[in-house]
């Protein structure tokens, strides 16, 4: 399965990765590669927990247009 991931650097230089289609699924790493590896592991764990609890695995995401 493929999931969209948002990745950005924080003010301390750490890479933060978030999966917007799984609420609360966030990870980080000192490099971009490690942050992406860590979010992969976090996604797997989040999906397992959500399945065990009978929760929907993901939530709907969409894009909206904003004019300036």
PDB file of N, CA and C in Angstrom:
ATOM      1  N   UNK A   1       0.843  -1.179   0.000  1.00  0.00           N
ATOM      2  CA  UNK A   1       0.000   0.000   0.000  1.00  0.00           C
ATOM      3  C   UNK A   1       0.889   1.244   0.000  1.00  0.00           C
ATOM      4  N   UNK A   2       0.416   2.272  -0.650  1.00  0.00           N
ATOM      5  CA  UNK A   2       1.124   3.546  -0.664  1.00  0.00           C
ATOM      6  C   UNK A   2       0.299   4.579   0.085  1.00  0.00           C
ATOM      7  N   UNK A   3       0.987   5.407   0.851  1.00  0.00           N
ATOM      8  CA  UNK A   3       0.343   6.469   1.614  1.00  0.00           C
ATOM      9  C   UNK A   3       1.053   7.785   1.345  1.00  0.00           C
ATOM     10  N   UNK A   4       0.296   8.893   1.264  1.00  0.00           N
ATOM     11  CA  UNK A   4       0.959  10.193   1.153  1.00  0.00           C
ATOM     12  C   UNK A   4       1.655  10.519   2.468  1.00  0.00           C
ATOM     13  N   UNK A   5       2.815  11.130   2.383  1.00  0.00           N
ATOM     14  CA  UNK A   5       3.586  11.522   3.561  1.00  0.00           C
ATOM     15  C   UNK A   5       4.037  12.964   3.387  1.00  0.00           C
ATOM     16  N   UNK A   6       3.910  13.724   4.452  1.00  0.00           N
ATOM     17  CA  UNK A   6       4.403  15.097   4.473  1.00  0.00           C
ATOM     18  C   UNK A   6       5.726  15.068   5.224  1.00  0.00           C
ATOM     19  N   UNK A   7       6.744  15.682   4.668  1.00  0.00           N
ATOM     20  CA  UNK A   7       8.044  15.710   5.339  1.00  0.00           C
ATOM     21  C   UNK A   7       8.580  17.130   5.331  1.00  0.00           C
ATOM     22  N   UNK A   8       9.102  17.544   6.498  1.00  0.00           N
ATOM     23  CA  UNK A   8       9.593  18.912   6.649  1.00  0.00           C
ATOM     24  C   UNK A   8      10.658  18.925   7.739  1.00  0.00           C
ATOM     25  N   UNK A   9      11.462  19.945   7.764  1.00  0.00           N
ATOM     26  CA  UNK A   9      12.462  20.100   8.821  1.00  0.00           C
ATOM     27  C   UNK A   9      11.939  21.040   9.889  1.00  0.00           C
ATOM     28  N   UNK A  10      12.241  20.715  11.149  1.00  0.00           N
ATOM     29  CA  UNK A  10      11.857  21.628  12.219  1.00  0.00           C
ATOM     30  C   UNK A  10      12.984  22.615  12.494  1.00  0.00           C
ATOM     31  N   UNK A  11      12.788  23.480  13.474  1.00  0.00           N
ATOM     32  CA  UNK A  11      13.756  24.540  13.752  1.00  0.00           C
ATOM     33  C   UNK A  11      15.092  24.009  14.283  1.00  0.00           C
ATOM     34  N   UNK A  12      15.111  22.758  14.759  1.00  0.00           N
ATOM     35  CA  UNK A  12      16.351  22.154  15.250  1.00  0.00           C
ATOM     36  C   UNK A  12      17.050  21.312  14.190  1.00  0.00           C
ATOM     37  N   UNK A  13      16.487  21.254  12.987  1.00  0.00           N
ATOM     38  CA  UNK A  13      17.090  20.508  11.902  1.00  0.00           C
ATOM     39  C   UNK A  13      16.635  19.063  11.786  1.00  0.00           C
ATOM     40  N   UNK A  14      15.764  18.624  12.691  1.00  0.00           N
ATOM     41  CA  UNK A  14      15.220  17.262  12.615  1.00  0.00           C
ATOM     42  C   UNK A  14      14.204  17.198  11.474  1.00  0.00           C
ATOM     43  N   UNK A  15      14.128  16.045  10.828  1.00  0.00           N
ATOM     44  CA  UNK A  15      13.145  15.826   9.785  1.00  0.00           C
ATOM     45  C   UNK A  15      11.895  15.222  10.424  1.00  0.00           C
ATOM     46  N   UNK A  16      10.747  15.824  10.168  1.00  0.00           N
ATOM     47  CA  UNK A  16       9.469  15.374  10.707  1.00  0.00           C
ATOM     48  C   UNK A  16       8.662  14.807   9.549  1.00  0.00           C
ATOM     49  N   UNK A  17       8.130  13.605   9.741  1.00  0.00           N
ATOM     50  CA  UNK A  17       7.315  12.959   8.707  1.00  0.00           C
ATOM     51  C   UNK A  17       5.944  12.654   9.295  1.00  0.00           C
ATOM     52  N   UNK A  18       4.902  12.922   8.517  1.00  0.00           N
ATOM     53  CA  UNK A  18       3.530  12.715   8.968  1.00  0.00           C
ATOM     54  C   UNK A  18       2.729  12.068   7.855  1.00  0.00           C
ATOM     55  N   UNK A  19       1.860  11.148   8.235  1.00  0.00           N
ATOM     56  CA  UNK A  19       0.951  10.523   7.281  1.00  0.00           C
ATOM     57  C   UNK A  19      -0.441  11.098   7.520  1.00  0.00           C
ATOM     58  N   UNK A  20      -0.885  12.043   6.701  1.00  0.00           N
ATOM     59  CA  UNK A  20      -2.149  12.729   6.973  1.00  0.00           C
ATOM     60  C   UNK A  20      -3.391  11.839   6.890  1.00  0.00           C
ATOM     61  N   UNK A  21      -3.303  10.699   6.226  1.00  0.00           N
ATOM     62  CA  UNK A  21      -4.483   9.838   6.120  1.00  0.00           C
ATOM     63  C   UNK A  21      -4.641   8.914   7.325  1.00  0.00           C
ATOM     64  N   UNK A  22      -3.670   8.944   8.271  1.00  0.00           N
ATOM     65  CA  UNK A  22      -3.773   8.175   9.511  1.00  0.00           C
ATOM     66  C   UNK A  22      -3.578   9.154  10.670  1.00  0.00           C
ATOM     67  N   UNK A  23      -4.656   9.537  11.341  1.00  0.00           N
ATOM     68  CA  UNK A  23      -4.551  10.533  12.409  1.00  0.00           C
ATOM     69  C   UNK A  23      -3.521  10.133  13.472  1.00  0.00           C
ATOM     70  N   UNK A  24      -2.651  11.076  13.811  1.00  0.00           N
ATOM     71  CA  UNK A  24      -1.655  10.861  14.845  1.00  0.00           C
ATOM     72  C   UNK A  24      -0.418  10.104  14.409  1.00  0.00           C
ATOM     73  N   UNK A  25      -0.313   9.766  13.144  1.00  0.00           N
ATOM     74  CA  UNK A  25       0.826   8.990  12.652  1.00  0.00           C
ATOM     75  C   UNK A  25       1.941   9.947  12.244  1.00  0.00           C
ATOM     76  N   UNK A  26       2.874  10.140  13.175  1.00  0.00           N
ATOM     77  CA  UNK A  26       3.967  11.095  12.993  1.00  0.00           C
ATOM     78  C   UNK A  26       5.263  10.440  13.451  1.00  0.00           C
ATOM     79  N   UNK A  27       6.356  10.749  12.799  1.00  0.00           N
ATOM     80  CA  UNK A  27       7.662  10.264  13.216  1.00  0.00           C
ATOM     81  C   UNK A  27       8.702  11.307  12.852  1.00  0.00           C
ATOM     82  N   UNK A  28       9.944  10.998  13.167  1.00  0.00           N
ATOM     83  CA  UNK A  28      11.017  11.941  12.868  1.00  0.00           C
ATOM     84  C   UNK A  28      12.321  11.198  12.680  1.00  0.00           C
ATOM     85  N   UNK A  29      13.335  11.921  12.228  1.00  0.00           N
ATOM     86  CA  UNK A  29      14.670  11.361  12.062  1.00  0.00           C
ATOM     87  C   UNK A  29      15.678  12.470  11.883  1.00  0.00           C
ATOM     88  N   UNK A  30      16.931  12.136  12.122  1.00  0.00           N
ATOM     89  CA  UNK A  30      17.971  13.151  11.976  1.00  0.00           C
ATOM     90  C   UNK A  30      18.311  13.417  10.515  1.00  0.00           C
ATOM     91  N   UNK A  31      17.933  12.477   9.642  1.00  0.00           N
ATOM     92  CA  UNK A  31      18.088  12.677   8.197  1.00  0.00           C
ATOM     93  C   UNK A  31      16.740  12.418   7.530  1.00  0.00           C
ATOM     94  N   UNK A  32      16.623  12.871   6.315  1.00  0.00           N
ATOM     95  CA  UNK A  32      15.387  12.654   5.561  1.00  0.00           C
ATOM     96  C   UNK A  32      15.141  11.155   5.369  1.00  0.00           C
ATOM     97  N   UNK A  33      16.191  10.417   5.065  1.00  0.00           N
ATOM     98  CA  UNK A  33      16.065   8.971   4.854  1.00  0.00           C
ATOM     99  C   UNK A  33      15.602   8.279   6.129  1.00  0.00           C
ATOM    100  N   UNK A  34      16.185   8.643   7.274  1.00  0.00           N
ATOM    101  CA  UNK A  34      15.772   7.995   8.524  1.00  0.00           C
ATOM    102  C   UNK A  34      14.348   8.375   8.900  1.00  0.00           C
ATOM    103  N   UNK A  35      13.942   9.606   8.632  1.00  0.00           N
ATOM    104  CA  UNK A  35      12.560  10.012   8.908  1.00  0.00           C
ATOM    105  C   UNK A  35      11.584   9.201   8.056  1.00  0.00           C
ATOM    106  N   UNK A  36      11.937   8.968   6.787  1.00  0.00           N
ATOM    107  CA  UNK A  36      11.065   8.171   5.919  1.00  0.00           C
ATOM    108  C   UNK A  36      11.031   6.705   6.358  1.00  0.00           C
ATOM    109  N   UNK A  37      12.166   6.162   6.775  1.00  0.00           N
ATOM    110  CA  UNK A  37      12.186   4.793   7.312  1.00  0.00           C
ATOM    111  C   UNK A  37      11.313   4.703   8.561  1.00  0.00           C
ATOM    112  N   UNK A  38      11.429   5.701   9.432  1.00  0.00           N
ATOM    113  CA  UNK A  38      10.675   5.700  10.681  1.00  0.00           C
ATOM    114  C   UNK A  38       9.176   5.853  10.442  1.00  0.00           C
ATOM    115  N   UNK A  39       8.773   6.666   9.458  1.00  0.00           N
ATOM    116  CA  UNK A  39       7.337   6.825   9.206  1.00  0.00           C
ATOM    117  C   UNK A  39       6.762   5.551   8.592  1.00  0.00           C
ATOM    118  N   UNK A  40       7.557   4.823   7.827  1.00  0.00           N
ATOM    119  CA  UNK A  40       7.091   3.531   7.319  1.00  0.00           C
ATOM    120  C   UNK A  40       6.755   2.592   8.475  1.00  0.00           C
ATOM    121  N   UNK A  41       7.649   2.535   9.450  1.00  0.00           N
ATOM    122  CA  UNK A  41       7.412   1.684  10.626  1.00  0.00           C
ATOM    123  C   UNK A  41       6.204   2.184  11.416  1.00  0.00           C
ATOM    124  N   UNK A  42       6.074   3.501  11.554  1.00  0.00           N
ATOM    125  CA  UNK A  42       4.949   4.076  12.292  1.00  0.00           C
ATOM    126  C   UNK A  42       3.628   3.781  11.593  1.00  0.00           C
ATOM    127  N   UNK A  43       3.604   3.854  10.272  1.00  0.00           N
ATOM    128  CA  UNK A  43       2.385   3.556   9.523  1.00  0.00           C
ATOM    129  C   UNK A  43       1.958   2.112   9.770  1.00  0.00           C
ATOM    130  N   UNK A  44       2.905   1.178   9.696  1.00  0.00           N
ATOM    131  CA  UNK A  44       2.585  -0.231   9.947  1.00  0.00           C
ATOM    132  C   UNK A  44       1.982  -0.417  11.331  1.00  0.00           C
ATOM    133  N   UNK A  45       2.610   0.187  12.343  1.00  0.00           N
ATOM    134  CA  UNK A  45       2.106   0.052  13.709  1.00  0.00           C
ATOM    135  C   UNK A  45       0.743   0.698  13.891  1.00  0.00           C
ATOM    136  N   UNK A  46       0.563   1.873  13.321  1.00  0.00           N
ATOM    137  CA  UNK A  46      -0.734   2.555  13.428  1.00  0.00           C
ATOM    138  C   UNK A  46      -1.837   1.734  12.784  1.00  0.00           C
ATOM    139  N   UNK A  47      -1.554   1.146  11.627  1.00  0.00           N
ATOM    140  CA  UNK A  47      -2.561   0.320  10.961  1.00  0.00           C
ATOM    141  C   UNK A  47      -2.903  -0.900  11.803  1.00  0.00           C
ATOM    142  N   UNK A  48      -1.904  -1.530  12.433  1.00  0.00           N
ATOM    143  CA  UNK A  48      -2.153  -2.683  13.297  1.00  0.00           C
ATOM    144  C   UNK A  48      -3.045  -2.311  14.476  1.00  0.00           C
ATOM    145  N   UNK A  49      -2.725  -1.214  15.136  1.00  0.00           N
ATOM    146  CA  UNK A  49      -3.498  -0.770  16.303  1.00  0.00           C
ATOM    147  C   UNK A  49      -4.920  -0.417  15.896  1.00  0.00           C
ATOM    148  N   UNK A  50      -5.066   0.309  14.803  1.00  0.00           N
ATOM    149  CA  UNK A  50      -6.411   0.702  14.360  1.00  0.00           C
ATOM    150  C   UNK A  50      -7.235  -0.534  14.005  1.00  0.00           C
ATOM    151  N   UNK A  51      -6.618  -1.535  13.384  1.00  0.00           N
ATOM    152  CA  UNK A  51      -7.333  -2.768  13.031  1.00  0.00           C
ATOM    153  C   UNK A  51      -7.746  -3.523  14.292  1.00  0.00           C
ATOM    154  N   UNK A  52      -6.844  -3.616  15.269  1.00  0.00           N
ATOM    155  CA  UNK A  52      -7.153  -4.297  16.522  1.00  0.00           C
ATOM    156  C   UNK A  52      -8.316  -3.642  17.253  1.00  0.00           C
ATOM    157  N   UNK A  53      -8.414  -2.343  17.163  1.00  0.00           N
ATOM    158  CA  UNK A  53      -9.462  -1.597  17.869  1.00  0.00           C
ATOM    159  C   UNK A  53     -10.736  -1.453  17.043  1.00  0.00           C
ATOM    160  N   UNK A  54     -10.746  -2.002  15.849  1.00  0.00           N
ATOM    161  CA  UNK A  54     -11.930  -1.911  14.999  1.00  0.00           C
ATOM    162  C   UNK A  54     -12.166  -0.525  14.429  1.00  0.00           C
ATOM    163  N   UNK A  55     -11.119   0.273  14.361  1.00  0.00           N
ATOM    164  CA  UNK A  55     -11.227   1.631  13.832  1.00  0.00           C
ATOM    165  C   UNK A  55     -10.993   1.595  12.326  1.00  0.00           C
ATOM    166  N   UNK A  56     -11.525   2.569  11.598  1.00  0.00           N
ATOM    167  CA  UNK A  56     -11.181   2.654  10.176  1.00  0.00           C
ATOM    168  C   UNK A  56      -9.670   2.812  10.044  1.00  0.00           C
ATOM    169  N   UNK A  57      -9.092   2.161   9.056  1.00  0.00           N
ATOM    170  CA  UNK A  57      -7.637   2.218   8.915  1.00  0.00           C
ATOM    171  C   UNK A  57      -7.145   3.602   8.536  1.00  0.00           C
ATOM    172  N   UNK A  58      -7.895   4.292   7.711  1.00  0.00           N
ATOM    173  CA  UNK A  58      -7.494   5.626   7.273  1.00  0.00           C
ATOM    174  C   UNK A  58      -8.701   6.555   7.304  1.00  0.00           C
ATOM    175  N   UNK A  59      -8.426   7.825   7.181  1.00  0.00           N
ATOM    176  CA  UNK A  59      -9.485   8.821   7.031  1.00  0.00           C
ATOM    177  C   UNK A  59      -9.353   9.422   5.642  1.00  0.00           C
ATOM    178  N   UNK A  60     -10.420   9.989   5.164  1.00  0.00           N
ATOM    179  CA  UNK A  60     -10.412  10.582   3.826  1.00  0.00           C
ATOM    180  C   UNK A  60      -9.607  11.873   3.822  1.00  0.00           C
ATOM    181  N   UNK A  61      -8.783  12.031   2.824  1.00  0.00           N
ATOM    182  CA  UNK A  61      -8.070  13.295   2.623  1.00  0.00           C
ATOM    183  C   UNK A  61      -8.411  13.800   1.229  1.00  0.00           C
ATOM    184  N   UNK A  62      -8.311  15.092   1.046  1.00  0.00           N
ATOM    185  CA  UNK A  62      -8.558  15.677  -0.264  1.00  0.00           C
ATOM    186  C   UNK A  62      -7.743  16.955  -0.377  1.00  0.00           C
ATOM    187  N   UNK A  63      -7.740  17.510  -1.545  1.00  0.00           N
ATOM    188  CA  UNK A  63      -7.062  18.780  -1.765  1.00  0.00           C
ATOM    189  C   UNK A  63      -8.110  19.838  -2.043  1.00  0.00           C
ATOM    190  N   UNK A  64      -7.865  21.024  -1.532  1.00  0.00           N
ATOM    191  CA  UNK A  64      -8.745  22.153  -1.814  1.00  0.00           C
ATOM    192  C   UNK A  64      -7.917  23.275  -2.430  1.00  0.00           C
ATOM    193  N   UNK A  65      -8.570  24.041  -3.259  1.00  0.00           N
ATOM    194  CA  UNK A  65      -7.886  25.165  -3.897  1.00  0.00           C
ATOM    195  C   UNK A  65      -8.146  26.424  -3.083  1.00  0.00           C
ATOM    196  N   UNK A  66      -7.086  27.175  -2.857  1.00  0.00           N
ATOM    197  CA  UNK A  66      -7.176  28.433  -2.134  1.00  0.00           C
ATOM    198  C   UNK A  66      -6.609  29.520  -3.030  1.00  0.00           C
ATOM    199  N   UNK A  67      -7.376  30.554  -3.248  1.00  0.00           N
ATOM    200  CA  UNK A  67      -6.881  31.650  -4.072  1.00  0.00           C
ATOM    201  C   UNK A  67      -6.348  32.745  -3.155  1.00  0.00           C
ATOM    202  N   UNK A  68      -5.293  33.374  -3.585  1.00  0.00           N
ATOM    203  CA  UNK A  68      -4.648  34.407  -2.771  1.00  0.00           C
ATOM    204  C   UNK A  68      -5.317  35.739  -2.950  1.00  0.00           C
TER     205      UNK A  68
END
